[in-house]
Amino acid sequence: MITRFCAIALALNLCHGTNALSLAPTEKLDASRYIVRRQNPSLQSGSLPVRRNILEFQNDRVSWPLFIQALKRLQAKEESDPYSYFQLAGIHGRPYIGWNGDSKILGTNDLGYCVHNTVLFLPWHRPYMSMIEQLLVIEAQEVAKLYPDNTIYLEAAARLRFPYWDWAANPALPDIVNQPQIQIESWNGTQLVDNPLYEYKFQSPLDRDLFPSNSSDGWFAFYRHTVRGVNTRNPKEVSHPDVVNTSLQRGNLRANTWRALARSTTFNIFSSTSTPGSSIEAVHNTVHSAIGARYGHMSYLSYAAYDPLFWLHHANIDRLFALWQVLHPESFVQPEEDVFGNFITLPHTIVDVNTSLRPFREERSGEWWTSNSARYIDTFSYTYPELQGNRTSDQLKANVTAAINRLYQPTNSARKRFIRSSPGSTAAFLPTREWSLSVSVSKFDAGGANFRILVFLGQVPADPEEWELSEAFIGSISIFPPPYVPITAFDPFPEVITHSEVDLDEGLERYGMNVEDSSSVVEFLKEELQWRIQKTDGEVIPPENIPSLLMEVEEETVSWPTDVTELPSYGAKTSHPDAIGSMM
């Protein structure tokens, strides 16, 4: 069967069957259309265009209507076009075929291009975001030409960049993304238009050969639009932002974002759940799970990128990546084993800074992007508000650090005292202790299904529907295994270990515990620390069914600086294995 993904490639003699779009060995794609150039000659000022917070960006009377109209045009492109929204989203997961002339590597797993639980998680998503951004600019420039007095619109279109949604500083959906229709000042006057940030509407029924209905995510094959916050399988379901907001507000996103930015000083730890420690990928997973709930697109990586909110989410992930890079400019990708691999990486491959980030090619050379070539955001001609201005590296680091402290300070008392100090203050702060729960588990322990580990301090409600809403709930970890079907029923699932941490400090303070008294905290945790395991669809999993699960309570001494332009320093971790009691 010739699919929509193959149709345009067939016309170019690039398609060979439904699963392989191949090029001659010496042939290169025209990459200039889909990768943002280092320098855009249409930009008159020397400053880089800014990816702005959507809460501010939506008030821009010129750029905002351009953005909405450009995104609508991108979503309206024929799905057979490799530069359509449909095919760009399909790079991340389903339909698990080569994009625009690329082909699957023999022996790799059938799960698309996206990289998760590997050190390439952040670098790979950077050119991915930049590609859709480049195409968005092209559409915006076409829209700008339609305005009668179009000079300011053409200038704005050239500098248009995707907005980001800062779910850590404001853990709630922006109201604008919850509205099925919005009013904009279009080129032909005030218009009420379908909101391209509310949902993506598939133009025709999904091809069941590429989007099978008998797979673990098969219910999506019947959907004609993306949904959020849904807990039933119903193709006519609509999004429920209240469900999403409840999960976001209970997700401990601010504290866990702070932990990743403030504690993780090496790139491999900060970047990915493949390494023990506080990673931004773990926080990213929590946000995905909160948006999709049980049966929404964002809860399943195979379909997540079809939801327009995916792009605002990943713009923020890239922003946090860029902020962290200012703090640690010398640390970057270190070689690491990719245990499972993906569409173009064999299992157990050692990946490093020179591993290709397929299917993305550089505009100048036509070669694949790598982590090395995608390391800096100015390569892609954009920046973020915290990084603007001509400052020395020391000034930039101080400003970024102050922004991190201001935006993401957790709420426990020691951190509050620190954050309220004024710049230049000489007040001394005594060292304090911080407590966390370190968790490692194999991604396939639930038989290949998505699952969560929910952590509690105190009595856990008997009804699983009340778990996340209970006072005892203090955080969760979301596990997204890649799609995998054993060859026979007797073949085991592979062991792919993922790591995460849950902040215990706010929960301990809620119970009035003195976190400086280690022995009292350990005794309290031994009695009150509990956890539950649950598939994304709500099914409760007995702990004995997750044999790889390891948990460890850890304590660290924190030395606080005297200025908010600095971050605290962390001492060595002390493990308390006796603080883990029984699950019940």
Protein backbone atom coordinates (compact mmCIF):
# COMPACT_ATOMS: atom_id res chain seq x y z
CA MET A 1 0.00 0.00 0.00
CA ILE A 2 1.29 3.47 -0.89
CA THR A 3 0.86 5.65 2.17
CA ARG A 4 0.49 9.37 2.62
CA PHE A 5 4.03 9.43 4.02
CA CYS A 6 5.37 7.79 0.87
CA ALA A 7 3.33 9.61 -1.75
CA ILE A 8 5.53 12.62 -2.28
CA ALA A 9 8.69 10.56 -1.90
CA LEU A 10 7.48 8.20 -4.61
CA ALA A 11 7.24 11.11 -7.02
CA LEU A 12 10.93 11.75 -6.32
CA ASN A 13 11.87 8.06 -6.68
CA LEU A 14 12.69 7.89 -2.98
CA CYS A 15 10.09 5.42 -1.77
CA HIS A 16 10.64 1.67 -1.70
CA GLY A 17 7.67 0.13 0.06
CA THR A 18 5.84 1.42 3.10
CA ASN A 19 8.68 1.23 5.59
CA ALA A 20 11.79 2.34 3.70
CA LEU A 21 12.40 5.74 2.16
CA SER A 22 16.00 5.53 0.93
CA LEU A 23 18.53 7.75 -0.83
CA ALA A 24 21.44 6.89 -3.05
CA PRO A 25 24.61 6.83 -0.92
CA THR A 26 25.96 10.11 -2.32
CA GLU A 27 22.65 11.95 -2.60
CA LYS A 28 21.80 14.64 -0.04
CA LEU A 29 18.47 16.20 0.81
CA ASP A 30 17.85 19.91 0.37
CA ALA A 31 18.07 20.81 4.04
CA SER A 32 17.79 24.58 3.63
CA ARG A 33 14.00 24.41 3.83
CA TYR A 34 13.73 22.72 7.15
CA ILE A 35 16.60 23.81 9.37
CA VAL A 36 16.85 27.33 10.78
CA ARG A 37 19.88 29.09 9.38
CA ARG A 38 22.65 30.45 11.57
CA GLN A 39 22.13 33.99 10.26
CA ASN A 40 18.99 35.25 8.57
CA PRO A 41 19.85 38.14 6.21
CA SER A 42 16.34 39.58 6.61
CA LEU A 43 17.01 40.37 10.28
CA GLN A 44 18.06 44.00 10.41
CA SER A 45 19.25 44.17 14.02
CA GLY A 46 22.14 42.18 15.39
CA SER A 47 20.08 40.67 18.21
CA LEU A 48 18.76 37.13 17.98
CA PRO A 49 15.01 36.54 17.70
CA VAL A 50 13.47 35.54 21.03
CA ARG A 51 11.33 32.57 21.96
CA ARG A 52 8.90 34.25 24.35
CA ASN A 53 6.68 33.06 27.18
CA ILE A 54 3.25 32.40 25.70
CA LEU A 55 1.60 34.33 28.55
CA GLU A 56 3.36 37.46 27.29
CA PHE A 57 3.56 36.56 23.60
CA GLN A 58 -0.22 36.24 23.22
CA ASN A 59 -0.56 39.98 23.90
CA ASP A 60 1.64 40.96 20.94
CA ARG A 61 -0.81 42.51 18.47
CA VAL A 62 1.46 41.85 15.48
CA SER A 63 3.40 38.65 16.15
CA TRP A 64 0.59 36.70 17.84
CA PRO A 65 -1.91 36.78 14.93
CA LEU A 66 0.96 35.96 12.56
CA PHE A 67 1.86 32.95 14.69
CA ILE A 68 -1.72 31.66 14.84
CA GLN A 69 -2.26 32.04 11.10
CA ALA A 70 1.12 30.47 10.28
CA LEU A 71 0.44 27.47 12.52
CA LYS A 72 -3.00 27.03 10.95
CA ARG A 73 -1.43 27.03 7.48
CA LEU A 74 1.13 24.45 8.58
CA GLN A 75 -1.61 22.21 9.99
CA ALA A 76 -3.63 22.61 6.79
CA LYS A 77 -0.85 21.38 4.49
CA GLU A 78 -1.60 18.13 2.70
CA GLU A 79 -0.56 15.24 4.90
CA SER A 80 1.40 13.76 1.98
CA ASP A 81 3.77 16.76 2.18
CA PRO A 82 6.89 15.93 4.27
CA TYR A 83 6.81 19.52 5.54
CA SER A 84 3.21 19.29 6.75
CA TYR A 85 2.40 19.41 10.44
CA PHE A 86 1.22 15.81 10.18
CA GLN A 87 4.54 14.49 8.91
CA LEU A 88 6.65 16.69 11.18
CA ALA A 89 4.78 15.31 14.19
CA GLY A 90 5.17 11.80 12.79
CA ILE A 91 8.95 12.03 13.07
CA HIS A 92 8.68 11.74 16.85
CA GLY A 93 6.73 8.48 16.95
CA ARG A 94 4.17 6.81 14.75
CA PRO A 95 4.01 5.86 11.93
CA TYR A 96 7.55 4.51 12.52
CA ILE A 97 8.80 4.96 8.96
CA GLY A 98 11.59 6.97 7.39
CA TRP A 99 10.99 10.68 6.94
CA ASN A 100 11.66 12.57 3.69
CA GLY A 101 14.06 10.09 2.15
CA ASP A 102 15.68 8.67 5.26
CA SER A 103 15.42 4.95 5.97
CA LYS A 104 15.37 2.58 8.91
CA ILE A 105 18.67 0.95 9.86
CA LEU A 106 18.59 -2.84 9.54
CA GLY A 107 18.31 -4.51 12.95
CA THR A 108 16.99 -1.49 14.85
CA ASN A 109 13.74 -1.36 16.80
CA ASP A 110 10.53 -0.09 15.20
CA LEU A 111 9.77 2.98 17.26
CA GLY A 112 10.49 6.06 15.20
CA TYR A 113 13.27 8.59 15.62
CA CYS A 114 12.62 10.13 19.04
CA VAL A 115 15.30 9.59 21.66
CA HIS A 116 14.38 9.17 25.32
CA ASN A 117 16.24 7.73 28.28
CA THR A 118 19.53 8.50 26.49
CA VAL A 119 22.02 11.33 26.76
CA LEU A 120 20.91 12.53 23.31
CA PHE A 121 17.44 13.47 24.58
CA LEU A 122 18.12 17.23 24.73
CA PRO A 123 20.37 17.62 21.66
CA TRP A 124 17.99 15.63 19.40
CA HIS A 125 14.96 17.75 20.24
CA ARG A 126 16.83 21.01 19.53
CA PRO A 127 16.99 20.68 15.70
CA TYR A 128 13.54 19.07 15.78
CA MET A 129 12.07 22.21 17.37
CA SER A 130 14.10 24.40 15.04
CA MET A 131 12.83 22.60 11.97
CA ILE A 132 9.16 23.29 12.68
CA GLU A 133 10.13 26.83 13.65
CA GLN A 134 11.81 27.41 10.28
CA LEU A 135 8.71 26.20 8.47
CA LEU A 136 6.54 28.37 10.71
CA VAL A 137 8.57 31.44 9.68
CA ILE A 138 8.06 30.59 6.00
CA GLU A 139 4.29 30.42 6.52
CA ALA A 140 4.29 33.63 8.58
CA GLN A 141 6.12 35.48 5.82
CA GLU A 142 3.43 34.43 3.35
CA VAL A 143 0.72 35.64 5.73
CA ALA A 144 2.53 38.94 6.32
CA LYS A 145 2.49 39.73 2.61
CA LEU A 146 -1.32 39.74 2.71
CA TYR A 147 -1.61 42.65 5.17
CA PRO A 148 -2.31 45.98 3.40
CA ASP A 149 0.37 47.86 5.37
CA ASN A 150 2.71 44.92 5.71
CA THR A 151 6.10 46.38 6.64
CA ILE A 152 5.83 45.70 10.37
CA TYR A 153 4.29 42.29 9.69
CA LEU A 154 7.12 41.25 7.37
CA GLU A 155 9.66 42.33 9.99
CA ALA A 156 7.78 40.44 12.71
CA ALA A 157 7.48 37.33 10.53
CA ALA A 158 11.25 37.19 9.99
CA ARG A 159 11.79 37.24 13.75
CA LEU A 160 8.92 34.95 14.67
CA ARG A 161 9.83 32.07 16.96
CA PHE A 162 7.80 29.42 18.78
CA PRO A 163 6.63 30.50 22.25
CA TYR A 164 7.37 28.41 25.32
CA TRP A 165 5.08 27.39 28.17
CA ASP A 166 6.77 27.57 31.57
CA TRP A 167 4.82 24.90 33.44
CA ALA A 168 7.28 24.97 36.37
CA ALA A 169 6.77 28.65 37.25
CA ASN A 170 3.04 28.50 36.45
CA PRO A 171 1.79 24.89 36.70
CA ALA A 172 -1.45 25.35 34.79
CA LEU A 173 -2.44 25.30 31.15
CA PRO A 174 -2.39 28.77 29.56
CA ASP A 175 -6.04 29.69 29.15
CA ILE A 176 -5.47 30.45 25.47
CA VAL A 177 -4.75 26.78 24.64
CA ASN A 178 -8.07 25.68 26.17
CA GLN A 179 -10.24 27.70 23.77
CA PRO A 180 -11.54 25.87 20.67
CA GLN A 181 -11.83 29.21 18.89
CA ILE A 182 -10.02 32.51 19.36
CA GLN A 183 -10.34 36.00 17.92
CA ILE A 184 -7.40 37.49 16.03
CA GLU A 185 -6.66 40.49 13.84
CA SER A 186 -5.99 38.69 10.58
CA TRP A 187 -4.92 40.23 7.27
CA ASN A 188 -8.58 40.71 6.34
CA GLY A 189 -9.86 42.08 9.65
CA THR A 190 -11.05 40.70 12.97
CA GLN A 191 -11.74 36.98 12.66
CA LEU A 192 -12.98 34.20 14.93
CA VAL A 193 -10.84 31.20 13.94
CA ASP A 194 -10.33 27.62 15.05
CA ASN A 195 -7.50 27.64 17.56
CA PRO A 196 -4.51 25.64 16.25
CA LEU A 197 -3.15 25.36 19.81
CA TYR A 198 -6.31 23.67 21.10
CA GLU A 199 -6.03 20.54 18.98
CA TYR A 200 -4.75 19.09 15.74
CA LYS A 201 -7.44 17.74 13.44
CA PHE A 202 -6.35 14.81 11.29
CA GLN A 203 -7.41 15.47 7.71
CA SER A 204 -8.53 11.92 7.00
CA PRO A 205 -8.82 8.62 8.88
CA LEU A 206 -5.46 7.23 9.94
CA ASP A 207 -3.98 4.45 7.80
CA ARG A 208 -4.44 1.29 9.90
CA ASP A 209 -1.32 -0.28 8.39
CA LEU A 210 0.76 2.51 9.94
CA PHE A 211 -1.47 3.36 12.90
CA PRO A 212 -2.68 -0.11 13.93
CA SER A 213 -5.77 -0.41 16.08
CA ASN A 214 -4.60 -3.69 17.64
CA SER A 215 -1.46 -2.23 19.24
CA SER A 216 -1.02 -1.09 22.85
CA ASP A 217 -1.95 2.46 21.77
CA GLY A 218 -4.50 1.29 19.23
CA TRP A 219 -7.47 3.41 20.35
CA PHE A 220 -5.78 6.48 18.85
CA ALA A 221 -6.24 4.97 15.38
CA PHE A 222 -9.93 5.94 15.60
CA TYR A 223 -9.39 9.55 16.71
CA ARG A 224 -9.80 12.46 14.30
CA HIS A 225 -8.36 15.07 16.69
CA THR A 226 -5.94 15.26 19.61
CA VAL A 227 -7.21 15.35 23.21
CA ARG A 228 -5.90 16.21 26.67
CA GLY A 229 -6.88 15.23 30.18
CA VAL A 230 -9.13 12.34 29.14
CA ASN A 231 -9.74 9.22 31.20
CA THR A 232 -11.96 7.32 28.76
CA ARG A 233 -11.35 5.81 25.33
CA ASN A 234 -13.82 7.65 23.15
CA PRO A 235 -12.98 9.04 19.69
CA LYS A 236 -15.56 11.80 20.25
CA GLU A 237 -14.02 12.83 23.57
CA VAL A 238 -13.06 16.46 24.13
CA SER A 239 -10.20 17.81 26.23
CA HIS A 240 -10.60 18.40 29.96
CA PRO A 241 -8.21 21.17 31.05
CA ASP A 242 -9.37 20.93 34.67
CA VAL A 243 -8.05 17.36 34.83
CA VAL A 244 -4.73 18.49 33.37
CA ASN A 245 -4.41 21.42 35.77
CA THR A 246 -5.05 19.25 38.81
CA SER A 247 -2.20 16.94 37.81
CA LEU A 248 0.13 19.82 36.95
CA GLN A 249 -0.47 21.47 40.30
CA ARG A 250 0.16 18.19 42.13
CA GLY A 251 3.24 17.34 40.09
CA ASN A 252 5.86 19.10 42.22
CA LEU A 253 7.17 20.60 38.98
CA ARG A 254 8.77 23.69 40.50
CA ALA A 255 10.78 21.77 43.10
CA ASN A 256 11.91 19.10 40.65
CA THR A 257 12.90 21.68 38.03
CA TRP A 258 14.91 23.47 40.71
CA ARG A 259 16.58 20.21 41.69
CA ALA A 260 17.66 19.50 38.11
CA LEU A 261 18.98 23.02 37.53
CA ALA A 262 20.60 23.55 40.92
CA ARG A 263 21.94 20.09 41.77
CA SER A 264 22.93 18.45 38.49
CA THR A 265 26.35 19.75 37.49
CA THR A 266 27.19 17.25 34.73
CA PHE A 267 25.33 17.06 31.44
CA ASN A 268 24.55 13.34 31.42
CA ILE A 269 22.82 13.63 34.81
CA PHE A 270 20.90 16.79 33.93
CA SER A 271 19.85 15.59 30.50
CA SER A 272 18.46 12.12 30.87
CA THR A 273 16.79 9.50 33.03
CA SER A 274 19.43 7.03 31.80
CA THR A 275 21.78 8.31 34.54
CA PRO A 276 21.00 8.39 38.31
CA GLY A 277 20.25 11.87 39.61
CA SER A 278 17.90 14.81 39.06
CA SER A 279 17.22 15.11 35.32
CA ILE A 280 15.09 17.48 33.30
CA GLU A 281 13.84 14.49 31.30
CA ALA A 282 12.14 13.14 34.42
CA VAL A 283 10.29 16.44 34.88
CA HIS A 284 9.46 16.37 31.16
CA ASN A 285 7.87 12.94 31.62
CA THR A 286 5.68 14.19 34.47
CA VAL A 287 4.36 17.01 32.28
CA HIS A 288 3.57 14.61 29.41
CA SER A 289 1.65 12.36 31.79
CA ALA A 290 -0.26 15.26 33.33
CA ILE A 291 -1.38 16.62 29.96
CA GLY A 292 -2.54 13.34 28.49
CA ALA A 293 -3.97 11.76 31.66
CA ARG A 294 -4.95 8.14 30.99
CA TYR A 295 -5.84 8.21 27.31
CA GLY A 296 -4.75 11.55 25.85
CA HIS A 297 -2.15 11.83 23.10
CA MET A 298 0.58 13.47 25.22
CA SER A 299 0.72 10.47 27.58
CA TYR A 300 1.99 8.24 24.78
CA LEU A 301 5.24 9.20 23.08
CA SER A 302 4.13 7.48 19.87
CA TYR A 303 1.39 10.11 19.39
CA ALA A 304 2.51 12.99 21.63
CA ALA A 305 3.88 15.33 18.94
CA TYR A 306 0.51 15.56 17.19
CA ASP A 307 -0.77 17.61 20.15
CA PRO A 308 0.19 21.27 19.49
CA LEU A 309 1.03 21.65 23.17
CA PHE A 310 3.98 19.32 22.58
CA TRP A 311 5.87 22.14 20.87
CA LEU A 312 5.29 24.69 23.63
CA HIS A 313 6.36 22.06 26.15
CA HIS A 314 9.56 21.23 24.30
CA ALA A 315 10.38 24.88 23.71
CA ASN A 316 10.46 25.17 27.50
CA ILE A 317 12.58 22.04 27.86
CA ASP A 318 15.04 23.54 25.38
CA ARG A 319 14.98 26.82 27.32
CA LEU A 320 15.85 25.05 30.58
CA PHE A 321 18.61 23.23 28.68
CA ALA A 322 19.97 26.61 27.48
CA LEU A 323 19.83 28.09 31.00
CA TRP A 324 21.70 25.09 32.39
CA GLN A 325 24.35 25.46 29.68
CA VAL A 326 25.12 28.99 30.90
CA LEU A 327 25.75 27.60 34.38
CA HIS A 328 27.91 24.71 33.13
CA PRO A 329 29.46 25.71 29.78
CA GLU A 330 32.21 23.08 29.95
CA SER A 331 29.96 20.06 30.52
CA PHE A 332 28.33 18.31 27.58
CA VAL A 333 27.51 14.89 26.15
CA GLN A 334 29.74 12.10 27.44
CA PRO A 335 29.74 8.68 25.72
CA GLU A 336 26.99 6.41 27.00
CA GLU A 337 25.33 3.16 26.02
CA ASP A 338 21.91 3.45 24.40
CA VAL A 339 20.50 0.17 25.65
CA PHE A 340 17.35 -0.01 23.53
CA GLY A 341 18.15 2.19 20.54
CA ASN A 342 15.54 3.53 18.14
CA PHE A 343 14.70 3.68 14.43
CA ILE A 344 18.29 4.43 13.39
CA THR A 345 20.35 3.36 16.44
CA LEU A 346 21.09 -0.30 17.14
CA PRO A 347 20.55 -1.54 20.70
CA HIS A 348 23.61 -1.24 22.96
CA THR A 349 25.24 1.38 20.73
CA ILE A 350 27.63 3.80 22.43
CA VAL A 351 26.36 7.27 21.54
CA ASP A 352 28.41 10.46 21.86
CA VAL A 353 28.69 14.06 20.64
CA ASN A 354 29.26 12.88 17.07
CA THR A 355 26.28 10.52 16.85
CA SER A 356 23.94 11.69 14.08
CA LEU A 357 20.66 13.29 15.15
CA ARG A 358 18.64 11.86 12.29
CA PRO A 359 16.60 12.74 10.32
CA PHE A 360 17.86 16.33 10.62
CA ARG A 361 20.52 17.70 8.25
CA GLU A 362 22.62 20.83 8.43
CA GLU A 363 21.70 23.57 6.00
CA ARG A 364 25.25 24.34 4.90
CA SER A 365 26.82 20.91 4.50
CA GLY A 366 23.80 18.66 4.11
CA GLU A 367 25.31 16.36 6.75
CA TRP A 368 23.39 15.05 9.74
CA TRP A 369 23.19 17.28 12.76
CA THR A 370 25.13 16.01 15.78
CA SER A 371 25.13 17.06 19.42
CA ASN A 372 28.34 18.97 18.71
CA SER A 373 26.86 20.98 15.86
CA ALA A 374 23.56 21.55 17.73
CA ARG A 375 25.21 22.50 21.02
CA TYR A 376 24.46 26.25 20.99
CA ILE A 377 21.13 27.97 20.36
CA ASP A 378 22.62 30.86 18.37
CA THR A 379 23.46 28.28 15.70
CA PHE A 380 19.70 28.11 15.09
CA SER A 381 19.18 31.89 15.37
CA TYR A 382 17.08 32.22 18.51
CA THR A 383 17.44 33.02 22.19
CA TYR A 384 15.35 33.23 25.37
CA PRO A 385 14.41 36.25 27.54
CA GLU A 386 16.88 35.35 30.31
CA LEU A 387 19.75 35.22 27.78
CA GLN A 388 19.19 38.54 26.02
CA GLY A 389 21.63 41.45 26.04
CA ASN A 390 25.34 41.96 25.59
CA ARG A 391 26.85 40.75 28.84
CA THR A 392 30.06 39.13 29.91
CA SER A 393 29.91 35.43 30.67
CA ASP A 394 30.04 36.20 34.41
CA GLN A 395 27.20 38.71 34.15
CA LEU A 396 25.12 36.30 32.10
CA LYS A 397 25.68 33.49 34.59
CA ALA A 398 24.70 35.77 37.49
CA ASN A 399 21.52 36.90 35.74
CA VAL A 400 20.52 33.37 34.76
CA THR A 401 21.15 32.12 38.29
CA ALA A 402 19.01 34.90 39.75
CA ALA A 403 16.23 34.05 37.30
CA ILE A 404 16.36 30.37 38.27
CA ASN A 405 16.17 31.27 41.96
CA ARG A 406 13.30 33.69 41.37
CA LEU A 407 11.23 31.43 39.12
CA TYR A 408 11.76 27.98 40.61
CA GLN A 409 12.44 28.37 44.31
CA PRO A 410 10.67 25.57 46.16
CA THR A 411 8.54 26.53 49.12
CA ASN A 412 10.28 24.95 52.09
CA SER A 413 11.49 27.42 54.70
CA ALA A 414 15.28 27.22 54.20
CA ARG A 415 14.96 28.01 50.52
CA LYS A 416 12.45 30.78 51.22
CA ARG A 417 14.89 32.52 53.54
CA PHE A 418 17.56 32.30 50.88
CA ILE A 419 15.49 33.52 47.97
CA ARG A 420 14.19 36.52 49.90
CA SER A 421 17.69 37.81 50.52
CA SER A 422 18.60 40.77 48.36
CA PRO A 423 21.47 40.74 45.85
CA GLY A 424 24.67 41.70 47.58
CA SER A 425 23.41 40.62 51.00
CA THR A 426 26.12 39.43 53.37
CA ALA A 427 23.76 37.51 55.63
CA ALA A 428 25.09 34.06 56.35
CA PHE A 429 22.98 30.92 56.06
CA LEU A 430 23.73 27.82 58.03
CA PRO A 431 24.01 24.58 56.04
CA THR A 432 20.76 22.65 55.81
CA ARG A 433 19.76 19.14 54.86
CA GLU A 434 17.69 18.08 51.88
CA TRP A 435 15.95 14.73 51.50
CA SER A 436 14.96 12.85 48.39
CA LEU A 437 13.82 9.43 47.23
CA SER A 438 16.00 7.94 44.50
CA VAL A 439 14.20 5.47 42.22
CA SER A 440 15.40 3.12 39.49
CA VAL A 441 13.28 0.66 37.54
CA SER A 442 13.19 -1.14 34.21
CA LYS A 443 10.91 0.57 31.71
CA PHE A 444 9.43 -2.77 30.61
CA ASP A 445 8.50 -4.18 34.01
CA ALA A 446 4.79 -3.51 33.41
CA GLY A 447 4.77 -5.72 30.33
CA GLY A 448 5.54 -2.84 28.01
CA ALA A 449 2.74 -0.59 29.32
CA ASN A 450 3.22 2.98 30.54
CA PHE A 451 3.15 3.19 34.32
CA ARG A 452 3.66 5.55 37.24
CA ILE A 453 5.15 5.24 40.70
CA LEU A 454 3.23 7.43 43.15
CA VAL A 455 4.90 8.43 46.42
CA PHE A 456 3.10 9.29 49.68
CA LEU A 457 3.82 10.40 53.22
CA GLY A 458 1.01 9.17 55.46
CA GLN A 459 -2.21 7.25 54.94
CA VAL A 460 -2.91 6.30 51.32
CA PRO A 461 -6.61 6.27 50.34
CA ALA A 462 -8.05 2.85 49.55
CA ASP A 463 -9.60 4.16 46.33
CA PRO A 464 -6.94 4.61 43.60
CA GLU A 465 -9.07 7.39 42.09
CA GLU A 466 -8.25 9.47 45.18
CA TRP A 467 -4.51 8.83 45.30
CA GLU A 468 -3.27 11.87 43.44
CA LEU A 469 -5.76 14.16 45.22
CA SER A 470 -4.89 13.01 48.74
CA GLU A 471 -2.93 15.10 51.25
CA ALA A 472 -0.46 12.23 51.56
CA PHE A 473 0.56 12.39 47.88
CA ILE A 474 3.93 14.13 47.39
CA GLY A 475 5.03 13.23 43.87
CA SER A 476 5.20 10.67 41.10
CA ILE A 477 7.48 9.26 38.43
CA SER A 478 6.18 8.55 34.92
CA ILE A 479 7.66 5.66 32.95
CA PHE A 480 7.27 5.60 29.15
CA PRO A 481 8.64 2.37 27.65
CA PRO A 482 9.24 2.39 23.91
CA PRO A 483 6.97 0.12 21.85
CA TYR A 484 8.22 -3.44 21.85
CA VAL A 485 6.60 -6.81 21.19
CA PRO A 486 8.58 -9.96 22.10
CA ILE A 487 9.02 -12.37 19.21
CA THR A 488 7.22 -15.11 21.16
CA ALA A 489 5.25 -15.20 24.38
CA PHE A 490 8.24 -16.88 26.04
CA ASP A 491 10.74 -14.16 25.18
CA PRO A 492 11.49 -11.68 27.96
CA PHE A 493 11.23 -7.94 27.66
CA PRO A 494 14.60 -6.18 27.57
CA GLU A 495 15.90 -4.54 30.73
CA VAL A 496 16.15 -0.79 30.18
CA ILE A 497 16.78 0.95 33.49
CA THR A 498 15.48 4.47 34.05
CA HIS A 499 16.25 6.73 37.02
CA SER A 500 14.44 9.53 38.79
CA GLU A 501 14.15 11.32 42.12
CA VAL A 502 11.26 12.60 44.24
CA ASP A 503 11.73 15.63 46.50
CA LEU A 504 10.74 14.79 50.10
CA ASP A 505 11.42 18.17 51.75
CA GLU A 506 8.05 19.84 51.25
CA GLY A 507 6.23 16.74 52.44
CA LEU A 508 8.43 16.48 55.52
CA GLU A 509 7.86 20.14 56.37
CA ARG A 510 4.12 19.68 55.92
CA TYR A 511 4.28 17.15 58.75
CA GLY A 512 6.33 19.51 60.91
CA MET A 513 9.48 17.42 60.71
CA ASN A 514 12.84 18.96 61.55
CA VAL A 515 14.83 17.98 58.46
CA GLU A 516 18.09 18.67 60.33
CA ASP A 517 17.37 15.79 62.74
CA SER A 518 18.41 12.82 60.62
CA SER A 519 17.45 10.08 63.05
CA SER A 520 13.93 11.49 63.53
CA VAL A 521 13.42 11.86 59.78
CA VAL A 522 14.55 8.28 59.15
CA GLU A 523 12.18 6.94 61.81
CA PHE A 524 9.33 9.00 60.38
CA LEU A 525 9.96 7.81 56.84
CA LYS A 526 10.20 4.21 57.97
CA GLU A 527 6.61 4.50 59.24
CA GLU A 528 5.04 6.93 56.78
CA LEU A 529 6.80 6.64 53.40
CA GLN A 530 4.63 4.60 51.05
CA TRP A 531 4.26 4.14 47.32
CA ARG A 532 1.88 2.67 44.80
CA ILE A 533 2.39 1.52 41.22
CA GLN A 534 -0.25 2.12 38.58
CA LYS A 535 -0.48 1.76 34.83
CA THR A 536 -1.33 4.94 32.97
CA ASP A 537 -4.79 3.50 32.30
CA GLY A 538 -5.41 3.27 36.06
CA GLU A 539 -4.79 -0.44 36.65
CA VAL A 540 -3.01 -1.01 39.97
CA ILE A 541 0.16 -3.10 39.73
CA PRO A 542 1.23 -5.29 42.68
CA PRO A 543 4.80 -4.42 43.74
CA GLU A 544 6.00 -7.99 43.20
CA ASN A 545 5.21 -7.51 39.49
CA ILE A 546 7.90 -4.81 39.24
CA PRO A 547 10.97 -6.86 40.22
CA SER A 548 13.60 -4.32 39.15
CA LEU A 549 12.29 -1.49 41.35
CA LEU A 550 14.92 -0.05 43.68
CA MET A 551 14.30 2.84 46.08
CA GLU A 552 16.68 4.65 48.35
CA VAL A 553 16.21 7.59 50.71
CA GLU A 554 19.09 10.04 50.38
CA GLU A 555 20.19 13.00 52.47
CA GLU A 556 22.46 15.85 51.37
CA THR A 557 24.01 18.80 53.17
CA VAL A 558 23.38 22.08 51.37
CA SER A 559 25.56 25.17 51.77
CA TRP A 560 23.65 28.32 50.88
CA PRO A 561 25.35 31.34 49.29
CA THR A 562 24.82 34.91 50.45
CA ASP A 563 23.48 36.19 47.14
CA VAL A 564 20.64 35.13 44.85
CA THR A 565 22.99 35.39 41.87
CA GLU A 566 24.60 32.19 43.14
CA LEU A 567 23.32 28.65 43.58
CA PRO A 568 23.79 26.48 46.66
CA SER A 569 26.48 23.83 46.77
CA TYR A 570 25.68 20.24 47.65
CA GLY A 571 27.74 17.84 49.72
CA ALA A 572 28.05 14.09 49.35
CA LYS A 573 24.88 12.03 49.57
CA THR A 574 24.18 9.85 52.57
CA SER A 575 21.99 6.84 51.90
CA HIS A 576 19.45 5.58 54.45
CA PRO A 577 18.36 2.10 53.34
CA ASP A 578 16.58 1.58 56.66
CA ALA A 579 14.23 4.50 55.88
CA ILE A 580 12.37 2.37 53.33
CA GLY A 581 9.64 0.48 55.12
CA SER A 582 6.95 -1.73 53.65
CA MET A 583 4.77 -0.50 50.81
CA MET A 584 1.53 -0.74 52.75
